[in-house]
Amino acid sequence: MPILSNAIRQRYRYTCLDQLASGEGAGQLAVQRFYQQGRLTNEVQGQNAWAILQVGDELLAQRNPALGTTSLLATDVQRSVSHVLGPTLSQARYTPYGQNPANSAAPCLLGFTGERAEPMTGHYLLGSYRGFNPLLMRFNSPDSFSPFG
């Protein structure tokens, strides 16, 4: 299969615990991610750093000290961010499989079920490696940990 020279590529790096540690695309600054108990807590890209404040399974706020912003998060029972209260109130809507139409994107790192969608593709990397495409409503690859192959 020929390699496309103008294809957009994304590179990912993982920790020894198989958690996504960083990602970078062509011409972009690397994004570093930090977790606590399997949940995203911080994301750093260049001079920008975001912190997700949460208690247990409840998302509370998102903070960006470099920009001087703090936003309160309202979620549903599945941890999907439905409202973001920052300088203005923003609302997010999702299809049953997590697609977020462009006109309802809330300014928040986390989205459907409290997961971070990849900015380049809009896919959710569930388990830090298995891409879920909400538009197609399916995973991009089989589960390598499945006993069924």
N, C-alpha and C. Protein backbone atom coordinates (compact mmCIF):
# COMPACT_ATOMS: atom_id res chain seq x y z
N MET A 1 0.85 -1.17 0.00
CA MET A 1 0.00 0.00 0.00
C MET A 1 0.89 1.23 0.00
N PRO A 2 0.70 2.15 -0.92
CA PRO A 2 1.55 3.34 -0.98
C PRO A 2 1.26 4.29 0.18
N ILE A 3 2.29 4.96 0.62
CA ILE A 3 2.15 5.95 1.68
C ILE A 3 1.88 7.30 1.03
N LEU A 4 0.82 7.95 1.47
CA LEU A 4 0.46 9.25 0.92
C LEU A 4 1.34 10.32 1.53
N SER A 5 2.00 11.09 0.70
CA SER A 5 2.93 12.10 1.21
C SER A 5 2.22 13.27 1.86
N ASN A 6 0.99 13.57 1.45
CA ASN A 6 0.28 14.70 2.03
C ASN A 6 -0.73 14.27 3.09
N ALA A 7 -0.65 13.04 3.54
CA ALA A 7 -1.57 12.54 4.56
C ALA A 7 -1.27 13.20 5.90
N ILE A 8 -2.29 13.43 6.65
CA ILE A 8 -2.13 14.00 7.99
C ILE A 8 -1.84 12.85 8.94
N ARG A 9 -0.77 12.99 9.70
CA ARG A 9 -0.37 11.93 10.61
C ARG A 9 -0.41 12.44 12.04
N GLN A 10 -0.76 11.53 12.93
CA GLN A 10 -0.79 11.82 14.36
C GLN A 10 0.08 10.77 15.04
N ARG A 11 0.96 11.20 15.93
CA ARG A 11 1.84 10.28 16.65
C ARG A 11 1.41 10.27 18.12
N TYR A 12 1.32 9.07 18.68
CA TYR A 12 0.93 8.91 20.08
C TYR A 12 2.05 8.25 20.86
N ARG A 13 2.17 8.62 22.12
CA ARG A 13 3.12 7.98 23.04
C ARG A 13 2.34 7.53 24.27
N TYR A 14 2.75 6.38 24.81
CA TYR A 14 2.04 5.78 25.93
C TYR A 14 2.96 5.58 27.12
N THR A 15 2.37 5.52 28.31
CA THR A 15 3.12 5.23 29.53
C THR A 15 3.31 3.72 29.64
N CYS A 16 4.07 3.31 30.64
CA CYS A 16 4.26 1.88 30.87
C CYS A 16 2.98 1.21 31.34
N LEU A 17 1.98 1.99 31.74
CA LEU A 17 0.68 1.46 32.16
C LEU A 17 -0.34 1.49 31.03
N ASP A 18 0.12 1.69 29.80
CA ASP A 18 -0.73 1.74 28.60
C ASP A 18 -1.73 2.88 28.62
N GLN A 19 -1.37 3.99 29.23
CA GLN A 19 -2.21 5.18 29.17
C GLN A 19 -1.60 6.15 28.17
N LEU A 20 -2.46 6.83 27.44
CA LEU A 20 -2.00 7.80 26.45
C LEU A 20 -1.28 8.93 27.17
N ALA A 21 -0.01 9.12 26.87
CA ALA A 21 0.79 10.15 27.54
C ALA A 21 0.89 11.42 26.71
N SER A 22 1.01 11.28 25.40
CA SER A 22 1.12 12.48 24.56
C SER A 22 0.75 12.15 23.13
N GLY A 23 0.50 13.20 22.40
CA GLY A 23 0.19 13.06 20.98
C GLY A 23 0.61 14.33 20.26
N GLU A 24 1.01 14.17 19.02
CA GLU A 24 1.38 15.35 18.24
C GLU A 24 1.11 15.08 16.77
N GLY A 25 0.66 16.12 16.10
CA GLY A 25 0.42 16.05 14.67
C GLY A 25 1.46 16.88 13.95
N ALA A 26 1.44 16.80 12.64
CA ALA A 26 2.40 17.56 11.84
C ALA A 26 2.18 19.05 12.04
N GLY A 27 3.25 19.74 12.40
CA GLY A 27 3.18 21.19 12.58
C GLY A 27 2.48 21.64 13.84
N GLN A 28 2.23 20.73 14.78
CA GLN A 28 1.56 21.08 16.03
C GLN A 28 2.50 20.82 17.20
N LEU A 29 2.25 21.53 18.28
CA LEU A 29 2.99 21.26 19.51
C LEU A 29 2.48 19.96 20.12
N ALA A 30 3.38 19.24 20.78
CA ALA A 30 2.98 18.00 21.43
C ALA A 30 2.01 18.28 22.56
N VAL A 31 1.05 17.40 22.73
CA VAL A 31 0.07 17.48 23.81
C VAL A 31 0.41 16.40 24.82
N GLN A 32 0.68 16.79 26.06
CA GLN A 32 0.96 15.83 27.12
C GLN A 32 -0.29 15.68 27.97
N ARG A 33 -0.59 14.43 28.36
CA ARG A 33 -1.78 14.16 29.17
C ARG A 33 -1.37 13.45 30.45
N PHE A 34 -2.03 13.83 31.54
CA PHE A 34 -1.75 13.25 32.85
C PHE A 34 -3.05 12.73 33.44
N TYR A 35 -2.96 11.59 34.11
CA TYR A 35 -4.14 10.89 34.62
C TYR A 35 -4.02 10.65 36.11
N GLN A 36 -5.17 10.50 36.74
CA GLN A 36 -5.23 10.06 38.13
C GLN A 36 -6.39 9.08 38.23
N GLN A 37 -6.12 7.88 38.67
CA GLN A 37 -7.10 6.81 38.76
C GLN A 37 -7.82 6.58 37.43
N GLY A 38 -7.05 6.62 36.34
CA GLY A 38 -7.59 6.34 35.02
C GLY A 38 -8.39 7.46 34.38
N ARG A 39 -8.45 8.62 35.01
CA ARG A 39 -9.21 9.76 34.47
C ARG A 39 -8.25 10.89 34.11
N LEU A 40 -8.52 11.55 32.98
CA LEU A 40 -7.71 12.69 32.56
C LEU A 40 -7.83 13.82 33.58
N THR A 41 -6.69 14.31 34.07
CA THR A 41 -6.71 15.41 35.03
C THR A 41 -6.00 16.65 34.51
N ASN A 42 -5.00 16.49 33.66
CA ASN A 42 -4.26 17.63 33.12
C ASN A 42 -3.89 17.38 31.67
N GLU A 43 -3.86 18.46 30.91
CA GLU A 43 -3.39 18.40 29.53
C GLU A 43 -2.54 19.64 29.30
N VAL A 44 -1.34 19.44 28.75
CA VAL A 44 -0.40 20.53 28.53
C VAL A 44 -0.01 20.55 27.05
N GLN A 45 -0.13 21.73 26.44
CA GLN A 45 0.30 21.92 25.06
C GLN A 45 1.01 23.26 24.97
N GLY A 46 2.34 23.21 24.86
CA GLY A 46 3.12 24.44 24.83
C GLY A 46 2.96 25.21 26.13
N GLN A 47 2.55 26.48 26.03
CA GLN A 47 2.35 27.33 27.21
C GLN A 47 0.97 27.15 27.84
N ASN A 48 0.07 26.47 27.15
CA ASN A 48 -1.28 26.26 27.68
C ASN A 48 -1.34 24.98 28.49
N ALA A 49 -1.98 25.07 29.64
CA ALA A 49 -2.18 23.91 30.50
C ALA A 49 -3.61 23.93 31.01
N TRP A 50 -4.29 22.81 30.90
CA TRP A 50 -5.65 22.70 31.38
C TRP A 50 -5.68 21.71 32.53
N ALA A 51 -6.47 22.01 33.53
CA ALA A 51 -6.65 21.11 34.66
C ALA A 51 -8.14 20.80 34.78
N ILE A 52 -8.46 19.54 34.95
CA ILE A 52 -9.84 19.11 35.15
C ILE A 52 -10.00 18.82 36.64
N LEU A 53 -10.91 19.51 37.27
CA LEU A 53 -11.17 19.31 38.69
C LEU A 53 -12.37 18.39 38.82
N GLN A 54 -12.19 17.31 39.60
CA GLN A 54 -13.26 16.35 39.78
C GLN A 54 -13.17 15.73 41.17
N VAL A 55 -14.32 15.29 41.66
CA VAL A 55 -14.40 14.59 42.93
C VAL A 55 -15.09 13.26 42.65
N GLY A 56 -14.37 12.18 42.87
CA GLY A 56 -14.92 10.87 42.52
C GLY A 56 -15.20 10.81 41.03
N ASP A 57 -16.43 10.51 40.67
CA ASP A 57 -16.82 10.47 39.26
C ASP A 57 -17.48 11.75 38.79
N GLU A 58 -17.55 12.76 39.64
CA GLU A 58 -18.22 14.01 39.29
C GLU A 58 -17.23 15.03 38.73
N LEU A 59 -17.49 15.49 37.51
CA LEU A 59 -16.68 16.57 36.92
C LEU A 59 -17.18 17.89 37.48
N LEU A 60 -16.27 18.75 37.91
CA LEU A 60 -16.65 20.02 38.52
C LEU A 60 -16.27 21.22 37.67
N ALA A 61 -15.01 21.29 37.24
CA ALA A 61 -14.53 22.49 36.55
C ALA A 61 -13.34 22.17 35.67
N GLN A 62 -13.07 23.10 34.78
CA GLN A 62 -11.89 23.07 33.92
C GLN A 62 -11.18 24.40 34.10
N ARG A 63 -9.86 24.35 34.30
CA ARG A 63 -9.10 25.57 34.56
C ARG A 63 -7.92 25.67 33.61
N ASN A 64 -7.69 26.88 33.11
CA ASN A 64 -6.53 27.16 32.27
C ASN A 64 -5.83 28.38 32.85
N PRO A 65 -4.80 28.18 33.69
CA PRO A 65 -4.11 29.31 34.32
C PRO A 65 -3.45 30.25 33.32
N ALA A 66 -2.94 29.73 32.21
CA ALA A 66 -2.27 30.58 31.22
C ALA A 66 -3.24 31.60 30.62
N LEU A 67 -4.47 31.18 30.41
CA LEU A 67 -5.49 32.09 29.87
C LEU A 67 -6.26 32.81 30.97
N GLY A 68 -6.08 32.36 32.21
CA GLY A 68 -6.79 32.96 33.33
C GLY A 68 -8.27 32.64 33.33
N THR A 69 -8.64 31.44 32.84
CA THR A 69 -10.05 31.07 32.78
C THR A 69 -10.34 29.85 33.63
N THR A 70 -11.51 29.87 34.24
CA THR A 70 -12.05 28.72 34.95
C THR A 70 -13.49 28.56 34.50
N SER A 71 -13.86 27.35 34.14
CA SER A 71 -15.21 27.07 33.67
C SER A 71 -15.82 25.97 34.53
N LEU A 72 -17.06 26.18 34.96
CA LEU A 72 -17.78 25.16 35.71
C LEU A 72 -18.45 24.22 34.72
N LEU A 73 -18.49 22.94 35.06
CA LEU A 73 -19.04 21.92 34.17
C LEU A 73 -20.30 21.32 34.76
N ALA A 74 -21.33 21.17 33.93
CA ALA A 74 -22.55 20.45 34.31
C ALA A 74 -22.59 19.18 33.48
N THR A 75 -22.83 18.06 34.15
CA THR A 75 -22.82 16.77 33.45
C THR A 75 -24.11 16.01 33.70
N ASP A 76 -24.35 14.98 32.88
CA ASP A 76 -25.48 14.10 33.11
C ASP A 76 -25.00 12.87 33.89
N VAL A 77 -25.86 11.88 34.03
CA VAL A 77 -25.50 10.71 34.83
C VAL A 77 -24.39 9.87 34.21
N GLN A 78 -24.12 10.04 32.91
CA GLN A 78 -23.05 9.30 32.25
C GLN A 78 -21.74 10.08 32.20
N ARG A 79 -21.65 11.20 32.87
CA ARG A 79 -20.49 12.10 32.89
C ARG A 79 -20.32 12.88 31.60
N SER A 80 -21.31 12.90 30.72
CA SER A 80 -21.23 13.70 29.50
C SER A 80 -21.40 15.17 29.85
N VAL A 81 -20.48 16.00 29.39
CA VAL A 81 -20.55 17.43 29.68
C VAL A 81 -21.69 18.02 28.86
N SER A 82 -22.69 18.58 29.56
CA SER A 82 -23.85 19.14 28.86
C SER A 82 -23.81 20.67 28.84
N HIS A 83 -23.25 21.29 29.87
CA HIS A 83 -23.16 22.75 29.92
C HIS A 83 -21.79 23.15 30.47
N VAL A 84 -21.28 24.25 29.95
CA VAL A 84 -20.02 24.83 30.42
C VAL A 84 -20.28 26.28 30.74
N LEU A 85 -20.05 26.65 32.00
CA LEU A 85 -20.25 28.03 32.43
C LEU A 85 -18.89 28.68 32.64
N GLY A 86 -18.51 29.50 31.68
CA GLY A 86 -17.27 30.27 31.75
C GLY A 86 -17.67 31.73 31.65
N PRO A 87 -17.01 32.49 30.80
CA PRO A 87 -17.46 33.86 30.57
C PRO A 87 -18.88 33.89 30.01
N THR A 88 -19.24 32.83 29.27
CA THR A 88 -20.61 32.68 28.77
C THR A 88 -21.06 31.25 29.05
N LEU A 89 -22.35 31.01 28.92
CA LEU A 89 -22.90 29.67 29.11
C LEU A 89 -22.97 28.97 27.76
N SER A 90 -22.35 27.81 27.65
CA SER A 90 -22.37 27.02 26.42
C SER A 90 -23.03 25.69 26.69
N GLN A 91 -23.73 25.19 25.69
CA GLN A 91 -24.41 23.91 25.81
C GLN A 91 -23.90 22.95 24.76
N ALA A 92 -23.73 21.69 25.13
CA ALA A 92 -23.29 20.66 24.19
C ALA A 92 -24.41 19.63 24.03
N ARG A 93 -24.54 19.14 22.81
CA ARG A 93 -25.51 18.08 22.53
C ARG A 93 -24.77 16.94 21.85
N TYR A 94 -25.25 15.73 22.10
CA TYR A 94 -24.62 14.55 21.54
C TYR A 94 -25.68 13.63 20.96
N THR A 95 -25.29 12.88 19.93
CA THR A 95 -26.14 11.81 19.43
C THR A 95 -26.02 10.65 20.41
N PRO A 96 -26.85 9.61 20.30
CA PRO A 96 -26.74 8.48 21.24
C PRO A 96 -25.37 7.81 21.24
N TYR A 97 -24.60 7.96 20.16
CA TYR A 97 -23.27 7.34 20.11
C TYR A 97 -22.14 8.33 20.32
N GLY A 98 -22.45 9.56 20.71
CA GLY A 98 -21.42 10.50 21.11
C GLY A 98 -20.99 11.52 20.10
N GLN A 99 -21.60 11.56 18.93
CA GLN A 99 -21.22 12.59 17.96
C GLN A 99 -21.69 13.94 18.46
N ASN A 100 -20.81 14.92 18.38
CA ASN A 100 -21.12 16.28 18.81
C ASN A 100 -21.16 17.16 17.57
N PRO A 101 -22.37 17.55 17.13
CA PRO A 101 -22.44 18.42 15.95
C PRO A 101 -21.64 19.70 16.18
N ALA A 102 -21.03 20.20 15.12
CA ALA A 102 -20.13 21.36 15.23
C ALA A 102 -20.80 22.58 15.83
N ASN A 103 -22.10 22.74 15.63
CA ASN A 103 -22.76 23.93 16.15
C ASN A 103 -23.10 23.84 17.63
N SER A 104 -22.83 22.70 18.26
CA SER A 104 -23.12 22.59 19.69
C SER A 104 -21.88 22.26 20.51
N ALA A 105 -20.72 22.56 19.99
CA ALA A 105 -19.48 22.25 20.69
C ALA A 105 -19.29 23.22 21.86
N ALA A 106 -19.17 22.67 23.06
CA ALA A 106 -18.90 23.48 24.24
C ALA A 106 -17.39 23.59 24.41
N PRO A 107 -16.89 24.72 24.92
CA PRO A 107 -15.43 24.90 25.08
C PRO A 107 -14.89 24.11 26.27
N CYS A 108 -14.81 22.80 26.10
CA CYS A 108 -14.35 21.94 27.19
C CYS A 108 -13.51 20.81 26.61
N LEU A 109 -12.50 20.38 27.36
CA LEU A 109 -11.67 19.26 26.92
C LEU A 109 -12.47 17.97 26.84
N LEU A 110 -13.32 17.75 27.82
CA LEU A 110 -14.06 16.49 27.91
C LEU A 110 -15.43 16.64 27.26
N GLY A 111 -15.97 15.52 26.82
CA GLY A 111 -17.26 15.56 26.16
C GLY A 111 -18.13 14.39 26.56
N PHE A 112 -18.49 13.58 25.58
CA PHE A 112 -19.39 12.45 25.77
C PHE A 112 -18.81 11.47 26.77
N THR A 113 -19.57 11.08 27.76
CA THR A 113 -19.19 10.19 28.87
C THR A 113 -17.90 10.62 29.56
N GLY A 114 -17.61 11.92 29.54
CA GLY A 114 -16.44 12.44 30.22
C GLY A 114 -15.13 12.09 29.56
N GLU A 115 -15.17 11.70 28.31
CA GLU A 115 -13.96 11.31 27.57
C GLU A 115 -13.47 12.47 26.72
N ARG A 116 -12.20 12.44 26.40
CA ARG A 116 -11.56 13.44 25.56
C ARG A 116 -11.61 12.97 24.11
N ALA A 117 -12.24 13.73 23.25
CA ALA A 117 -12.24 13.41 21.82
C ALA A 117 -10.95 13.93 21.21
N GLU A 118 -10.37 13.16 20.31
CA GLU A 118 -9.16 13.60 19.63
C GLU A 118 -9.49 14.78 18.73
N PRO A 119 -8.76 15.89 18.86
CA PRO A 119 -9.07 17.09 18.08
C PRO A 119 -8.99 16.88 16.57
N MET A 120 -8.07 16.04 16.12
CA MET A 120 -7.88 15.84 14.69
C MET A 120 -8.99 15.03 14.04
N THR A 121 -9.48 14.01 14.73
CA THR A 121 -10.43 13.07 14.13
C THR A 121 -11.82 13.14 14.73
N GLY A 122 -11.93 13.59 15.97
CA GLY A 122 -13.21 13.56 16.67
C GLY A 122 -13.50 12.19 17.27
N HIS A 123 -12.55 11.26 17.17
CA HIS A 123 -12.74 9.92 17.72
C HIS A 123 -12.37 9.92 19.20
N TYR A 124 -12.98 9.02 19.94
CA TYR A 124 -12.65 8.82 21.34
C TYR A 124 -11.70 7.64 21.44
N LEU A 125 -10.55 7.82 22.09
CA LEU A 125 -9.60 6.73 22.29
C LEU A 125 -9.94 6.05 23.60
N LEU A 126 -10.86 5.11 23.56
CA LEU A 126 -11.31 4.43 24.76
C LEU A 126 -10.28 3.39 25.17
N GLY A 127 -9.96 3.35 26.43
CA GLY A 127 -8.90 2.48 26.90
C GLY A 127 -7.55 2.96 26.43
N SER A 128 -7.45 4.21 25.99
CA SER A 128 -6.24 4.87 25.53
C SER A 128 -5.69 4.33 24.21
N TYR A 129 -6.35 3.37 23.59
CA TYR A 129 -5.77 2.85 22.35
C TYR A 129 -6.81 2.52 21.29
N ARG A 130 -8.03 2.27 21.67
CA ARG A 130 -9.02 1.76 20.72
C ARG A 130 -9.93 2.89 20.30
N GLY A 131 -9.78 3.34 19.06
CA GLY A 131 -10.53 4.49 18.57
C GLY A 131 -11.99 4.17 18.30
N PHE A 132 -12.88 4.97 18.89
CA PHE A 132 -14.31 4.85 18.64
C PHE A 132 -14.74 6.02 17.78
N ASN A 133 -15.37 5.74 16.65
CA ASN A 133 -15.84 6.76 15.73
C ASN A 133 -17.32 6.99 15.96
N PRO A 134 -17.72 8.12 16.58
CA PRO A 134 -19.14 8.34 16.86
C PRO A 134 -19.99 8.57 15.61
N LEU A 135 -19.38 9.00 14.53
CA LEU A 135 -20.12 9.20 13.29
C LEU A 135 -20.52 7.85 12.67
N LEU A 136 -19.59 6.90 12.65
CA LEU A 136 -19.89 5.56 12.13
C LEU A 136 -20.53 4.66 13.17
N MET A 137 -20.50 5.09 14.44
CA MET A 137 -21.07 4.35 15.56
C MET A 137 -20.40 2.99 15.76
N ARG A 138 -19.08 2.98 15.61
CA ARG A 138 -18.34 1.74 15.78
C ARG A 138 -16.87 2.02 16.08
N PHE A 139 -16.20 0.98 16.56
CA PHE A 139 -14.76 1.07 16.81
C PHE A 139 -14.01 0.92 15.50
N ASN A 140 -12.84 1.53 15.42
CA ASN A 140 -12.01 1.45 14.22
C ASN A 140 -11.22 0.15 14.12
N SER A 141 -11.07 -0.54 15.24
CA SER A 141 -10.28 -1.77 15.25
C SER A 141 -10.89 -2.74 16.26
N PRO A 142 -10.60 -4.03 16.13
CA PRO A 142 -11.10 -5.00 17.10
C PRO A 142 -10.40 -4.84 18.45
N ASP A 143 -11.02 -5.34 19.48
CA ASP A 143 -10.47 -5.27 20.82
C ASP A 143 -9.40 -6.34 20.98
N SER A 144 -8.16 -5.94 21.18
CA SER A 144 -7.07 -6.90 21.30
C SER A 144 -7.12 -7.68 22.61
N PHE A 145 -7.89 -7.20 23.59
CA PHE A 145 -8.00 -7.91 24.87
C PHE A 145 -9.20 -8.84 24.91
N SER A 146 -9.98 -8.89 23.86
CA SER A 146 -11.19 -9.72 23.83
C SER A 146 -10.83 -11.20 23.75
N PRO A 147 -11.51 -12.04 24.52
CA PRO A 147 -11.25 -13.48 24.40
C PRO A 147 -11.86 -14.08 23.12
N PHE A 148 -12.63 -13.28 22.39
CA PHE A 148 -13.31 -13.77 21.19
C PHE A 148 -12.55 -13.45 19.91
N GLY A 149 -11.35 -12.89 20.04
CA GLY A 149 -10.52 -12.64 18.86
C GLY A 149 -10.59 -11.28 18.43
